[in-house]
Amino acid sequence: MRRNIQFVLAGVAAVLAVALVFWLVTANQGTAATPSASAGDARAQLEQLKIAPRGTLDGYDRKKYPHWSNQGQNCNTREVVLKRDGKDVKAGSDCNPTSGSWTSPYDGDTWTKPSDVDIDHMVPLAQSWVSGAKDWTNEKREQFANDLTRPQLFTVTDRVNQQKSDKAPDQWKPPLVSFWCTYATDWITVKSYYALTITSAEKSALSLMLDKC
């Protein structure tokens, strides 16, 4: 009986050891966003999106989209994305990156100072406001602004992010044409998940970008 108990305890200890190793490995990895949808899936989702006129910015305020939220381990959403998207990123005890490199998918440029990059919302906050988020709760808008699961947050060149501003794909496209496919599929994925509307011009622009896939 004692030998059986010892055998069981040894087995439990082995399982716990494996679980501990797995936790230590995953705890130190960046939070990966959902992979981009295939062009076929994106086209199917695009056809399901509701077409409606773009609304107004009446009542819009970035404060209605609380960010950057606390993500645990002394890190906020921005710091998590910088760690996820960067290479050889080192950070202080406050989780703020002190070194590393970041390649912007919008233009292909690489930067070594966190101050040279922005965390861009694939679907801008103001763009969500005029396509349905005006009627959301602040809690849902906070989820949208800090979404680490959908392909909503990207580390990009700051000046390119400023050029994009709150524009939809019919108003602005990434300078790097090779990224148009991913840009379109990710935009569609986010708008589909959050049931946001699109305009006819926006749909046409997205369809043309999907032709690059």
N, C-alpha and C. Protein backbone atom coordinates (compact mmCIF):
# COMPACT_ATOMS: atom_id res chain seq x y z
N MET A 1 0.83 -1.20 0.00
CA MET A 1 0.00 0.00 0.00
C MET A 1 0.87 1.25 0.00
N ARG A 2 1.92 1.23 0.89
CA ARG A 2 2.80 2.38 0.96
C ARG A 2 3.49 2.62 -0.37
N ARG A 3 3.89 1.52 -1.05
CA ARG A 3 4.56 1.66 -2.35
C ARG A 3 3.61 2.27 -3.38
N ASN A 4 2.33 1.86 -3.34
CA ASN A 4 1.35 2.42 -4.28
C ASN A 4 1.16 3.91 -4.05
N ILE A 5 1.09 4.30 -2.77
CA ILE A 5 0.93 5.72 -2.45
C ILE A 5 2.13 6.52 -2.94
N GLN A 6 3.33 5.94 -2.73
CA GLN A 6 4.54 6.63 -3.17
C GLN A 6 4.54 6.78 -4.69
N PHE A 7 4.05 5.74 -5.37
CA PHE A 7 3.99 5.78 -6.84
C PHE A 7 3.03 6.88 -7.31
N VAL A 8 1.86 6.97 -6.66
CA VAL A 8 0.87 7.99 -7.01
C VAL A 8 1.43 9.39 -6.76
N LEU A 9 2.07 9.55 -5.59
CA LEU A 9 2.63 10.85 -5.26
C LEU A 9 3.72 11.26 -6.24
N ALA A 10 4.52 10.29 -6.67
CA ALA A 10 5.57 10.58 -7.64
C ALA A 10 4.96 11.03 -8.97
N GLY A 11 3.85 10.37 -9.35
CA GLY A 11 3.18 10.75 -10.58
C GLY A 11 2.61 12.15 -10.51
N VAL A 12 1.99 12.48 -9.37
CA VAL A 12 1.43 13.81 -9.18
C VAL A 12 2.53 14.86 -9.24
N ALA A 13 3.67 14.57 -8.61
CA ALA A 13 4.79 15.51 -8.60
C ALA A 13 5.30 15.74 -10.01
N ALA A 14 5.34 14.69 -10.83
CA ALA A 14 5.82 14.83 -12.21
C ALA A 14 4.89 15.71 -13.01
N VAL A 15 3.58 15.51 -12.83
CA VAL A 15 2.59 16.33 -13.55
C VAL A 15 2.72 17.79 -13.14
N LEU A 16 2.86 18.04 -11.83
CA LEU A 16 3.00 19.40 -11.35
C LEU A 16 4.27 20.05 -11.87
N ALA A 17 5.33 19.27 -11.98
CA ALA A 17 6.59 19.81 -12.50
C ALA A 17 6.45 20.24 -13.95
N VAL A 18 5.78 19.40 -14.76
CA VAL A 18 5.56 19.74 -16.17
C VAL A 18 4.70 20.99 -16.28
N ALA A 19 3.65 21.05 -15.44
CA ALA A 19 2.76 22.21 -15.47
C ALA A 19 3.51 23.49 -15.09
N LEU A 20 4.43 23.38 -14.12
CA LEU A 20 5.20 24.54 -13.70
C LEU A 20 6.10 25.04 -14.81
N VAL A 21 6.75 24.11 -15.49
CA VAL A 21 7.63 24.49 -16.60
C VAL A 21 6.82 25.18 -17.69
N PHE A 22 5.65 24.60 -18.00
CA PHE A 22 4.79 25.19 -19.04
C PHE A 22 4.38 26.59 -18.66
N TRP A 23 4.03 26.80 -17.38
CA TRP A 23 3.60 28.12 -16.94
C TRP A 23 4.74 29.11 -17.02
N LEU A 24 5.93 28.70 -16.63
CA LEU A 24 7.07 29.61 -16.67
C LEU A 24 7.40 30.03 -18.09
N VAL A 25 7.25 29.09 -19.03
CA VAL A 25 7.55 29.41 -20.42
C VAL A 25 6.53 30.37 -20.99
N THR A 26 5.24 30.03 -20.81
CA THR A 26 4.18 30.86 -21.40
C THR A 26 4.07 32.21 -20.71
N ALA A 27 4.39 32.29 -19.43
CA ALA A 27 4.27 33.55 -18.71
C ALA A 27 5.25 34.58 -19.23
N ASN A 28 6.32 34.14 -19.85
CA ASN A 28 7.33 35.06 -20.34
C ASN A 28 7.22 35.33 -21.83
N GLN A 29 6.17 34.85 -22.44
CA GLN A 29 5.97 35.11 -23.85
C GLN A 29 5.02 36.29 -24.01
N GLY A 30 5.16 37.04 -25.11
CA GLY A 30 4.24 38.12 -25.42
C GLY A 30 2.88 37.54 -25.75
N THR A 31 1.86 38.36 -25.58
CA THR A 31 0.51 37.92 -25.90
C THR A 31 0.30 38.03 -27.40
N ALA A 32 0.08 36.91 -28.05
CA ALA A 32 -0.05 36.90 -29.50
C ALA A 32 -1.49 37.18 -29.90
N ALA A 33 -1.66 38.02 -30.91
CA ALA A 33 -2.99 38.29 -31.42
C ALA A 33 -3.45 37.12 -32.29
N THR A 34 -4.76 37.05 -32.51
CA THR A 34 -5.30 36.03 -33.39
C THR A 34 -4.69 36.17 -34.79
N PRO A 35 -4.22 35.07 -35.40
CA PRO A 35 -3.64 35.17 -36.75
C PRO A 35 -4.63 35.77 -37.73
N SER A 36 -4.11 36.41 -38.77
CA SER A 36 -4.97 37.01 -39.78
C SER A 36 -5.83 35.94 -40.44
N ALA A 37 -7.05 36.33 -40.79
CA ALA A 37 -7.95 35.41 -41.48
C ALA A 37 -7.46 35.20 -42.91
N SER A 38 -7.89 34.12 -43.52
CA SER A 38 -7.55 33.90 -44.92
C SER A 38 -8.34 34.89 -45.77
N ALA A 39 -7.87 35.11 -46.98
CA ALA A 39 -8.56 36.05 -47.87
C ALA A 39 -10.00 35.59 -48.13
N GLY A 40 -10.18 34.27 -48.28
CA GLY A 40 -11.51 33.73 -48.53
C GLY A 40 -12.44 33.98 -47.36
N ASP A 41 -11.95 33.73 -46.14
CA ASP A 41 -12.77 33.97 -44.95
C ASP A 41 -13.08 35.45 -44.81
N ALA A 42 -12.08 36.28 -45.10
CA ALA A 42 -12.27 37.73 -44.99
C ALA A 42 -13.33 38.21 -45.98
N ARG A 43 -13.30 37.69 -47.19
CA ARG A 43 -14.30 38.10 -48.18
C ARG A 43 -15.70 37.68 -47.72
N ALA A 44 -15.79 36.49 -47.14
CA ALA A 44 -17.09 36.03 -46.64
C ALA A 44 -17.58 36.93 -45.51
N GLN A 45 -16.68 37.31 -44.60
CA GLN A 45 -17.05 38.20 -43.50
C GLN A 45 -17.42 39.58 -44.03
N LEU A 46 -16.70 40.03 -45.05
CA LEU A 46 -16.97 41.35 -45.64
C LEU A 46 -18.40 41.42 -46.17
N GLU A 47 -18.86 40.34 -46.77
CA GLU A 47 -20.22 40.33 -47.32
C GLU A 47 -21.28 40.36 -46.22
N GLN A 48 -20.89 39.95 -45.02
CA GLN A 48 -21.84 39.92 -43.91
C GLN A 48 -21.91 41.24 -43.15
N LEU A 49 -20.92 42.11 -43.35
CA LEU A 49 -20.91 43.37 -42.62
C LEU A 49 -22.03 44.28 -43.12
N LYS A 50 -22.66 44.96 -42.19
CA LYS A 50 -23.76 45.86 -42.53
C LYS A 50 -23.22 47.15 -43.14
N ILE A 51 -23.79 47.55 -44.27
CA ILE A 51 -23.40 48.80 -44.92
C ILE A 51 -24.31 49.91 -44.42
N ALA A 52 -23.69 51.00 -43.98
CA ALA A 52 -24.45 52.14 -43.45
C ALA A 52 -23.61 53.40 -43.63
N PRO A 53 -24.25 54.54 -43.69
CA PRO A 53 -23.49 55.80 -43.80
C PRO A 53 -22.59 55.98 -42.58
N ARG A 54 -21.45 56.59 -42.78
CA ARG A 54 -20.54 56.87 -41.68
C ARG A 54 -21.17 57.92 -40.78
N GLY A 55 -21.19 57.65 -39.49
CA GLY A 55 -21.81 58.58 -38.55
C GLY A 55 -20.95 59.80 -38.28
N THR A 56 -21.40 60.62 -37.35
CA THR A 56 -20.65 61.83 -36.99
C THR A 56 -19.84 61.59 -35.72
N LEU A 57 -18.94 62.50 -35.43
CA LEU A 57 -18.12 62.40 -34.22
C LEU A 57 -18.76 63.13 -33.05
N ASP A 58 -20.01 63.49 -33.17
CA ASP A 58 -20.71 64.16 -32.08
C ASP A 58 -20.62 63.31 -30.80
N GLY A 59 -20.10 63.91 -29.73
CA GLY A 59 -19.99 63.21 -28.46
C GLY A 59 -18.74 62.37 -28.30
N TYR A 60 -17.92 62.28 -29.36
CA TYR A 60 -16.72 61.43 -29.28
C TYR A 60 -15.67 62.05 -28.36
N ASP A 61 -15.02 61.18 -27.58
CA ASP A 61 -13.92 61.58 -26.71
C ASP A 61 -13.08 60.34 -26.45
N ARG A 62 -11.77 60.45 -26.65
CA ARG A 62 -10.90 59.29 -26.42
C ARG A 62 -10.99 58.79 -24.98
N LYS A 63 -11.40 59.66 -24.06
CA LYS A 63 -11.53 59.24 -22.67
C LYS A 63 -12.65 58.21 -22.50
N LYS A 64 -13.52 58.11 -23.49
CA LYS A 64 -14.58 57.11 -23.44
C LYS A 64 -14.08 55.73 -23.86
N TYR A 65 -12.78 55.66 -24.20
CA TYR A 65 -12.11 54.40 -24.54
C TYR A 65 -10.91 54.25 -23.61
N PRO A 66 -11.12 53.93 -22.34
CA PRO A 66 -10.01 53.89 -21.38
C PRO A 66 -8.86 53.00 -21.85
N HIS A 67 -7.66 53.55 -21.94
CA HIS A 67 -6.47 52.81 -22.31
C HIS A 67 -5.25 53.62 -21.84
N TRP A 68 -4.17 53.02 -21.52
CA TRP A 68 -3.91 51.58 -21.69
C TRP A 68 -4.19 50.85 -20.38
N SER A 69 -4.90 49.74 -20.45
CA SER A 69 -5.33 49.01 -19.26
C SER A 69 -4.21 48.18 -18.65
N ASN A 70 -4.37 47.92 -17.35
CA ASN A 70 -3.42 47.07 -16.63
C ASN A 70 -3.57 45.63 -17.11
N GLN A 71 -2.44 45.02 -17.51
CA GLN A 71 -2.46 43.64 -18.00
C GLN A 71 -1.75 42.68 -17.06
N GLY A 72 -1.45 43.13 -15.85
CA GLY A 72 -0.77 42.27 -14.88
C GLY A 72 0.74 42.33 -15.01
N GLN A 73 1.43 41.81 -14.02
CA GLN A 73 2.89 41.79 -13.99
C GLN A 73 3.47 43.20 -14.20
N ASN A 74 2.74 44.19 -13.67
CA ASN A 74 3.19 45.59 -13.72
C ASN A 74 3.23 46.17 -15.13
N CYS A 75 2.51 45.54 -16.06
CA CYS A 75 2.51 45.98 -17.46
C CYS A 75 1.13 46.48 -17.88
N ASN A 76 1.13 47.50 -18.74
CA ASN A 76 -0.13 47.92 -19.35
C ASN A 76 -0.19 47.40 -20.78
N THR A 77 -1.29 47.66 -21.46
CA THR A 77 -1.49 47.10 -22.80
C THR A 77 -0.39 47.54 -23.76
N ARG A 78 -0.03 48.81 -23.73
CA ARG A 78 0.99 49.32 -24.64
C ARG A 78 2.31 48.57 -24.46
N GLU A 79 2.69 48.37 -23.22
CA GLU A 79 3.97 47.70 -22.93
C GLU A 79 3.94 46.24 -23.37
N VAL A 80 2.78 45.60 -23.21
CA VAL A 80 2.64 44.21 -23.66
C VAL A 80 2.80 44.13 -25.18
N VAL A 81 2.20 45.07 -25.92
CA VAL A 81 2.30 45.05 -27.37
C VAL A 81 3.74 45.34 -27.81
N LEU A 82 4.41 46.27 -27.15
CA LEU A 82 5.81 46.55 -27.49
C LEU A 82 6.67 45.31 -27.29
N LYS A 83 6.43 44.59 -26.22
CA LYS A 83 7.19 43.36 -25.96
C LYS A 83 6.85 42.30 -27.00
N ARG A 84 5.57 42.19 -27.34
CA ARG A 84 5.12 41.18 -28.31
C ARG A 84 5.67 41.44 -29.70
N ASP A 85 5.65 42.69 -30.13
CA ASP A 85 6.02 43.02 -31.51
C ASP A 85 7.50 43.28 -31.70
N GLY A 86 8.24 43.46 -30.62
CA GLY A 86 9.64 43.83 -30.74
C GLY A 86 10.59 42.64 -30.78
N LYS A 87 11.84 42.95 -31.02
CA LYS A 87 12.90 41.95 -31.04
C LYS A 87 13.94 42.33 -30.00
N ASP A 88 14.35 41.33 -29.20
CA ASP A 88 15.35 41.55 -28.14
C ASP A 88 14.94 42.70 -27.22
N VAL A 89 13.68 42.72 -26.84
CA VAL A 89 13.18 43.80 -26.00
C VAL A 89 13.58 43.57 -24.55
N LYS A 90 14.14 44.61 -23.95
CA LYS A 90 14.47 44.58 -22.53
C LYS A 90 13.69 45.70 -21.86
N ALA A 91 13.21 45.41 -20.66
CA ALA A 91 12.39 46.38 -19.94
C ALA A 91 12.82 46.47 -18.49
N GLY A 92 12.54 47.62 -17.87
CA GLY A 92 12.83 47.80 -16.47
C GLY A 92 11.78 47.15 -15.60
N SER A 93 11.92 47.33 -14.29
CA SER A 93 10.98 46.73 -13.35
C SER A 93 9.57 47.29 -13.53
N ASP A 94 9.46 48.48 -14.14
CA ASP A 94 8.15 49.08 -14.38
C ASP A 94 7.54 48.59 -15.68
N CYS A 95 8.21 47.66 -16.39
CA CYS A 95 7.75 47.02 -17.63
C CYS A 95 7.93 47.93 -18.85
N ASN A 96 8.41 49.14 -18.66
CA ASN A 96 8.62 50.04 -19.78
C ASN A 96 9.88 49.65 -20.53
N PRO A 97 9.81 49.36 -21.84
CA PRO A 97 10.98 48.92 -22.60
C PRO A 97 12.12 49.93 -22.55
N THR A 98 13.32 49.42 -22.36
CA THR A 98 14.51 50.27 -22.35
C THR A 98 15.36 50.08 -23.60
N SER A 99 15.18 48.95 -24.28
CA SER A 99 15.91 48.69 -25.52
C SER A 99 15.17 47.64 -26.33
N GLY A 100 15.55 47.52 -27.60
CA GLY A 100 14.93 46.56 -28.50
C GLY A 100 14.82 47.16 -29.88
N SER A 101 14.18 46.45 -30.78
CA SER A 101 13.94 46.98 -32.13
C SER A 101 12.54 46.60 -32.58
N TRP A 102 11.93 47.49 -33.36
CA TRP A 102 10.56 47.30 -33.81
C TRP A 102 10.46 47.62 -35.30
N THR A 103 9.93 46.68 -36.07
CA THR A 103 9.74 46.88 -37.50
C THR A 103 8.26 47.14 -37.76
N SER A 104 7.98 48.29 -38.33
CA SER A 104 6.60 48.69 -38.59
C SER A 104 6.04 47.97 -39.80
N PRO A 105 4.93 47.25 -39.68
CA PRO A 105 4.35 46.55 -40.83
C PRO A 105 3.76 47.51 -41.86
N TYR A 106 3.51 48.75 -41.48
CA TYR A 106 2.89 49.70 -42.39
C TYR A 106 3.86 50.23 -43.44
N ASP A 107 5.14 50.38 -43.06
CA ASP A 107 6.12 50.93 -44.00
C ASP A 107 7.42 50.15 -44.07
N GLY A 108 7.59 49.14 -43.21
CA GLY A 108 8.77 48.31 -43.25
C GLY A 108 9.99 48.89 -42.55
N ASP A 109 9.87 50.08 -41.97
CA ASP A 109 11.00 50.71 -41.29
C ASP A 109 11.21 50.09 -39.91
N THR A 110 12.48 50.05 -39.47
CA THR A 110 12.84 49.48 -38.17
C THR A 110 13.35 50.59 -37.26
N TRP A 111 12.91 50.55 -36.00
CA TRP A 111 13.25 51.58 -35.02
C TRP A 111 13.79 50.93 -33.76
N THR A 112 14.67 51.65 -33.07
CA THR A 112 15.28 51.11 -31.85
C THR A 112 14.92 51.92 -30.62
N LYS A 113 14.11 52.95 -30.79
CA LYS A 113 13.65 53.75 -29.65
C LYS A 113 12.14 53.62 -29.54
N PRO A 114 11.64 53.24 -28.36
CA PRO A 114 10.18 53.13 -28.19
C PRO A 114 9.46 54.44 -28.53
N SER A 115 10.15 55.56 -28.38
CA SER A 115 9.53 56.85 -28.67
C SER A 115 9.29 57.07 -30.16
N ASP A 116 9.92 56.24 -31.01
CA ASP A 116 9.77 56.38 -32.45
C ASP A 116 8.59 55.58 -33.00
N VAL A 117 7.94 54.82 -32.14
CA VAL A 117 6.82 54.00 -32.59
C VAL A 117 5.57 54.30 -31.77
N ASP A 118 4.43 54.06 -32.39
CA ASP A 118 3.13 54.17 -31.71
C ASP A 118 2.47 52.81 -31.69
N ILE A 119 1.55 52.63 -30.77
CA ILE A 119 0.68 51.45 -30.81
C ILE A 119 -0.60 51.90 -31.52
N ASP A 120 -0.79 51.39 -32.71
CA ASP A 120 -1.93 51.80 -33.53
C ASP A 120 -3.10 50.84 -33.36
N HIS A 121 -4.29 51.41 -33.33
CA HIS A 121 -5.51 50.60 -33.37
C HIS A 121 -5.83 50.35 -34.84
N MET A 122 -5.86 49.09 -35.24
CA MET A 122 -6.18 48.75 -36.63
C MET A 122 -7.43 49.51 -37.06
N VAL A 123 -8.53 49.31 -36.34
CA VAL A 123 -9.72 50.13 -36.53
C VAL A 123 -9.63 51.25 -35.51
N PRO A 124 -9.37 52.49 -35.94
CA PRO A 124 -9.19 53.60 -35.00
C PRO A 124 -10.39 53.79 -34.07
N LEU A 125 -10.12 54.36 -32.92
CA LEU A 125 -11.19 54.58 -31.95
C LEU A 125 -12.30 55.44 -32.53
N ALA A 126 -11.93 56.54 -33.16
CA ALA A 126 -12.95 57.42 -33.74
C ALA A 126 -13.70 56.74 -34.87
N GLN A 127 -13.01 55.88 -35.60
CA GLN A 127 -13.66 55.14 -36.69
C GLN A 127 -14.70 54.17 -36.13
N SER A 128 -14.40 53.59 -34.97
CA SER A 128 -15.39 52.70 -34.36
C SER A 128 -16.59 53.49 -33.88
N TRP A 129 -16.34 54.71 -33.41
CA TRP A 129 -17.42 55.56 -32.90
C TRP A 129 -18.44 55.84 -33.99
N VAL A 130 -17.95 56.16 -35.19
CA VAL A 130 -18.86 56.52 -36.28
C VAL A 130 -19.45 55.30 -36.99
N SER A 131 -19.07 54.11 -36.53
CA SER A 131 -19.61 52.90 -37.17
C SER A 131 -20.28 51.96 -36.16
N GLY A 132 -20.65 52.52 -34.99
CA GLY A 132 -21.44 51.72 -34.06
C GLY A 132 -21.07 51.82 -32.59
N ALA A 133 -19.81 52.14 -32.28
CA ALA A 133 -19.36 52.12 -30.88
C ALA A 133 -19.93 53.26 -30.05
N LYS A 134 -20.53 54.24 -30.72
CA LYS A 134 -21.16 55.35 -29.99
C LYS A 134 -22.19 54.83 -29.00
N ASP A 135 -22.83 53.72 -29.33
CA ASP A 135 -23.89 53.17 -28.49
C ASP A 135 -23.40 52.13 -27.49
N TRP A 136 -22.08 51.89 -27.45
CA TRP A 136 -21.53 50.92 -26.52
C TRP A 136 -21.39 51.52 -25.12
N THR A 137 -21.17 50.61 -24.16
CA THR A 137 -20.79 51.05 -22.82
C THR A 137 -19.30 51.38 -22.81
N ASN A 138 -18.88 52.15 -21.80
CA ASN A 138 -17.46 52.45 -21.67
C ASN A 138 -16.65 51.17 -21.47
N GLU A 139 -17.24 50.18 -20.81
CA GLU A 139 -16.54 48.92 -20.58
C GLU A 139 -16.24 48.21 -21.89
N LYS A 140 -17.20 48.21 -22.81
CA LYS A 140 -16.97 47.57 -24.10
C LYS A 140 -15.97 48.36 -24.92
N ARG A 141 -16.02 49.69 -24.81
CA ARG A 141 -15.05 50.50 -25.54
C ARG A 141 -13.65 50.30 -24.98
N GLU A 142 -13.56 50.07 -23.69
CA GLU A 142 -12.24 49.77 -23.09
C GLU A 142 -11.71 48.44 -23.63
N GLN A 143 -12.58 47.45 -23.75
CA GLN A 143 -12.18 46.17 -24.32
C GLN A 143 -11.65 46.35 -25.74
N PHE A 144 -12.36 47.16 -26.52
CA PHE A 144 -11.97 47.42 -27.90
C PHE A 144 -10.61 48.10 -27.97
N ALA A 145 -10.39 49.07 -27.10
CA ALA A 145 -9.15 49.86 -27.13
C ALA A 145 -7.94 49.09 -26.63
N ASN A 146 -8.18 47.98 -25.93
CA ASN A 146 -7.08 47.21 -25.34
C ASN A 146 -7.09 45.75 -25.80
N ASP A 147 -7.71 45.49 -26.93
CA ASP A 147 -7.92 44.11 -27.39
C ASP A 147 -6.61 43.47 -27.85
N LEU A 148 -6.13 42.53 -27.07
CA LEU A 148 -4.90 41.80 -27.39
C LEU A 148 -5.18 40.47 -28.08
N THR A 149 -6.45 40.16 -28.28
CA THR A 149 -6.82 38.88 -28.90
C THR A 149 -7.07 39.02 -30.39
N ARG A 150 -7.87 40.01 -30.77
CA ARG A 150 -8.09 40.27 -32.18
C ARG A 150 -6.87 41.01 -32.76
N PRO A 151 -6.71 41.03 -34.09
CA PRO A 151 -5.58 41.76 -34.71
C PRO A 151 -5.87 43.26 -34.74
N GLN A 152 -5.94 43.87 -33.57
CA GLN A 152 -6.37 45.25 -33.42
C GLN A 152 -5.24 46.20 -33.04
N LEU A 153 -4.15 45.69 -32.45
CA LEU A 153 -3.07 46.55 -31.97
C LEU A 153 -1.75 46.20 -32.65
N PHE A 154 -1.10 47.23 -33.21
CA PHE A 154 0.15 47.04 -33.94
C PHE A 154 1.16 48.12 -33.55
N THR A 155 2.43 47.74 -33.49
CA THR A 155 3.50 48.71 -33.27
C THR A 155 3.95 49.24 -34.62
N VAL A 156 3.79 50.55 -34.83
CA VAL A 156 4.04 51.14 -36.14
C VAL A 156 4.84 52.44 -36.01
N THR A 157 5.43 52.87 -37.11
CA THR A 157 6.15 54.13 -37.15
C THR A 157 5.21 55.27 -36.75
N ASP A 158 5.67 56.11 -35.81
CA ASP A 158 4.77 57.12 -35.26
C ASP A 158 4.23 58.08 -36.31
N ARG A 159 5.08 58.54 -37.23
CA ARG A 159 4.60 59.52 -38.21
C ARG A 159 3.58 58.89 -39.19
N VAL A 160 3.75 57.59 -39.47
CA VAL A 160 2.80 56.90 -40.34
C VAL A 160 1.45 56.76 -39.62
N ASN A 161 1.52 56.48 -38.34
CA ASN A 161 0.29 56.39 -37.55
C ASN A 161 -0.43 57.73 -37.54
N GLN A 162 0.32 58.80 -37.48
CA GLN A 162 -0.28 60.13 -37.49
C GLN A 162 -0.92 60.43 -38.85
N GLN A 163 -0.30 59.93 -39.93
CA GLN A 163 -0.88 60.10 -41.26
C GLN A 163 -2.20 59.34 -41.37
N LYS A 164 -2.21 58.15 -40.81
CA LYS A 164 -3.43 57.34 -40.85
C LYS A 164 -4.54 58.01 -40.03
N SER A 165 -4.19 58.46 -38.82
CA SER A 165 -5.13 59.11 -37.93
C SER A 165 -6.38 58.24 -37.74
N ASP A 166 -7.55 58.77 -38.05
CA ASP A 166 -8.81 58.05 -37.85
C ASP A 166 -9.42 57.58 -39.16
N LYS A 167 -8.61 57.49 -40.19
CA LYS A 167 -9.13 57.21 -41.53
C LYS A 167 -9.46 55.73 -41.74
N ALA A 168 -10.47 55.49 -42.56
CA ALA A 168 -10.86 54.14 -43.00
C ALA A 168 -10.07 53.80 -44.26
N PRO A 169 -10.10 52.53 -44.71
CA PRO A 169 -9.31 52.12 -45.89
C PRO A 169 -9.64 52.85 -47.18
N ASP A 170 -10.82 53.43 -47.30
CA ASP A 170 -11.13 54.21 -48.50
C ASP A 170 -10.49 55.59 -48.44
N GLN A 171 -9.92 55.94 -47.26
CA GLN A 171 -9.30 57.25 -47.08
C GLN A 171 -7.77 57.15 -46.91
N TRP A 172 -7.30 56.00 -46.50
CA TRP A 172 -5.86 55.81 -46.25
C TRP A 172 -5.52 54.33 -46.33
N LYS A 173 -4.34 54.05 -46.91
CA LYS A 173 -3.82 52.68 -46.97
C LYS A 173 -2.34 52.71 -46.57
N PRO A 174 -1.81 51.62 -46.00
CA PRO A 174 -0.40 51.58 -45.62
C PRO A 174 0.50 51.81 -46.83
N PRO A 175 1.61 52.54 -46.65
CA PRO A 175 2.55 52.75 -47.75
C PRO A 175 3.10 51.45 -48.32
N LEU A 176 3.24 50.43 -47.46
CA LEU A 176 3.78 49.14 -47.89
C LEU A 176 2.66 48.31 -48.52
N VAL A 177 2.64 48.28 -49.85
CA VAL A 177 1.54 47.60 -50.57
C VAL A 177 1.48 46.12 -50.22
N SER A 178 2.63 45.52 -49.92
CA SER A 178 2.65 44.09 -49.59
C SER A 178 1.90 43.78 -48.29
N PHE A 179 1.59 44.81 -47.51
CA PHE A 179 0.84 44.61 -46.27
C PHE A 179 -0.66 44.82 -46.47
N TRP A 180 -1.07 45.23 -47.66
CA TRP A 180 -2.48 45.52 -47.89
C TRP A 180 -3.39 44.34 -47.62
N CYS A 181 -2.95 43.16 -48.00
CA CYS A 181 -3.77 41.95 -47.78
C CYS A 181 -4.04 41.77 -46.30
N THR A 182 -2.98 41.79 -45.50
CA THR A 182 -3.13 41.60 -44.06
C THR A 182 -3.94 42.74 -43.45
N TYR A 183 -3.69 43.95 -43.92
CA TYR A 183 -4.41 45.11 -43.40
C TYR A 183 -5.92 44.94 -43.62
N ALA A 184 -6.29 44.52 -44.81
CA ALA A 184 -7.70 44.34 -45.12
C ALA A 184 -8.33 43.21 -44.31
N THR A 185 -7.64 42.07 -44.23
CA THR A 185 -8.21 40.94 -43.49
C THR A 185 -8.34 41.27 -42.02
N ASP A 186 -7.35 41.98 -41.47
CA ASP A 186 -7.41 42.33 -40.05
C ASP A 186 -8.51 43.36 -39.78
N TRP A 187 -8.63 44.34 -40.66
CA TRP A 187 -9.69 45.35 -40.51
C TRP A 187 -11.06 44.67 -40.51
N ILE A 188 -11.24 43.77 -41.45
CA ILE A 188 -12.52 43.05 -41.56
C ILE A 188 -12.76 42.17 -40.33
N THR A 189 -11.71 41.50 -39.86
CA THR A 189 -11.83 40.64 -38.68
C THR A 189 -12.31 41.44 -37.48
N VAL A 190 -11.71 42.60 -37.25
CA VAL A 190 -12.08 43.42 -36.10
C VAL A 190 -13.50 43.97 -36.25
N LYS A 191 -13.82 44.51 -37.42
CA LYS A 191 -15.17 45.06 -37.61
C LYS A 191 -16.24 43.96 -37.52
N SER A 192 -15.90 42.78 -38.00
CA SER A 192 -16.85 41.68 -37.94
C SER A 192 -17.08 41.25 -36.49
N TYR A 193 -16.01 41.11 -35.72
CA TYR A 193 -16.14 40.67 -34.33
C TYR A 193 -16.98 41.64 -33.52
N TYR A 194 -16.75 42.93 -33.73
CA TYR A 194 -17.46 43.94 -32.95
C TYR A 194 -18.75 44.43 -33.62
N ALA A 195 -19.13 43.78 -34.72
CA ALA A 195 -20.38 44.11 -35.43
C ALA A 195 -20.46 45.60 -35.77
N LEU A 196 -19.37 46.15 -36.26
CA LEU A 196 -19.34 47.54 -36.69
C LEU A 196 -19.74 47.63 -38.16
N THR A 197 -20.29 48.75 -38.55
CA THR A 197 -20.75 48.92 -39.92
C THR A 197 -19.60 49.39 -40.83
N ILE A 198 -19.83 49.31 -42.13
CA ILE A 198 -18.89 49.84 -43.12
C ILE A 198 -19.68 50.65 -44.14
N THR A 199 -19.00 51.51 -44.85
CA THR A 199 -19.65 52.26 -45.93
C THR A 199 -19.41 51.52 -47.25
N SER A 200 -20.12 51.91 -48.28
CA SER A 200 -19.93 51.29 -49.59
C SER A 200 -18.51 51.54 -50.10
N ALA A 201 -18.00 52.76 -49.89
CA ALA A 201 -16.64 53.09 -50.34
C ALA A 201 -15.61 52.27 -49.58
N GLU A 202 -15.84 52.09 -48.31
CA GLU A 202 -14.96 51.28 -47.47
C GLU A 202 -14.94 49.83 -47.95
N LYS A 203 -16.10 49.30 -48.26
CA LYS A 203 -16.19 47.92 -48.75
C LYS A 203 -15.44 47.75 -50.06
N SER A 204 -15.57 48.71 -50.96
CA SER A 204 -14.87 48.64 -52.25
C SER A 204 -13.36 48.68 -52.05
N ALA A 205 -12.90 49.55 -51.15
CA ALA A 205 -11.47 49.65 -50.87
C ALA A 205 -10.92 48.36 -50.29
N LEU A 206 -11.67 47.77 -49.37
CA LEU A 206 -11.24 46.52 -48.74
C LEU A 206 -11.19 45.39 -49.76
N SER A 207 -12.18 45.34 -50.65
CA SER A 207 -12.20 44.31 -51.69
C SER A 207 -11.00 44.41 -52.61
N LEU A 208 -10.64 45.64 -52.98
CA LEU A 208 -9.46 45.84 -53.83
C LEU A 208 -8.18 45.45 -53.12
N MET A 209 -8.12 45.73 -51.82
CA MET A 209 -6.92 45.34 -51.04
C MET A 209 -6.82 43.83 -50.92
N LEU A 210 -7.95 43.15 -50.84
CA LEU A 210 -7.94 41.69 -50.75
C LEU A 210 -7.43 41.08 -52.06
N ASP A 211 -7.50 41.83 -53.15
CA ASP A 211 -6.97 41.33 -54.43
C ASP A 211 -5.46 41.17 -54.37
N LYS A 212 -4.82 41.78 -53.38
CA LYS A 212 -3.38 41.67 -53.22
C LYS A 212 -2.98 40.38 -52.50
N CYS A 213 -3.96 39.64 -52.00
CA CYS A 213 -3.66 38.40 -51.27
C CYS A 213 -3.21 37.28 -52.23
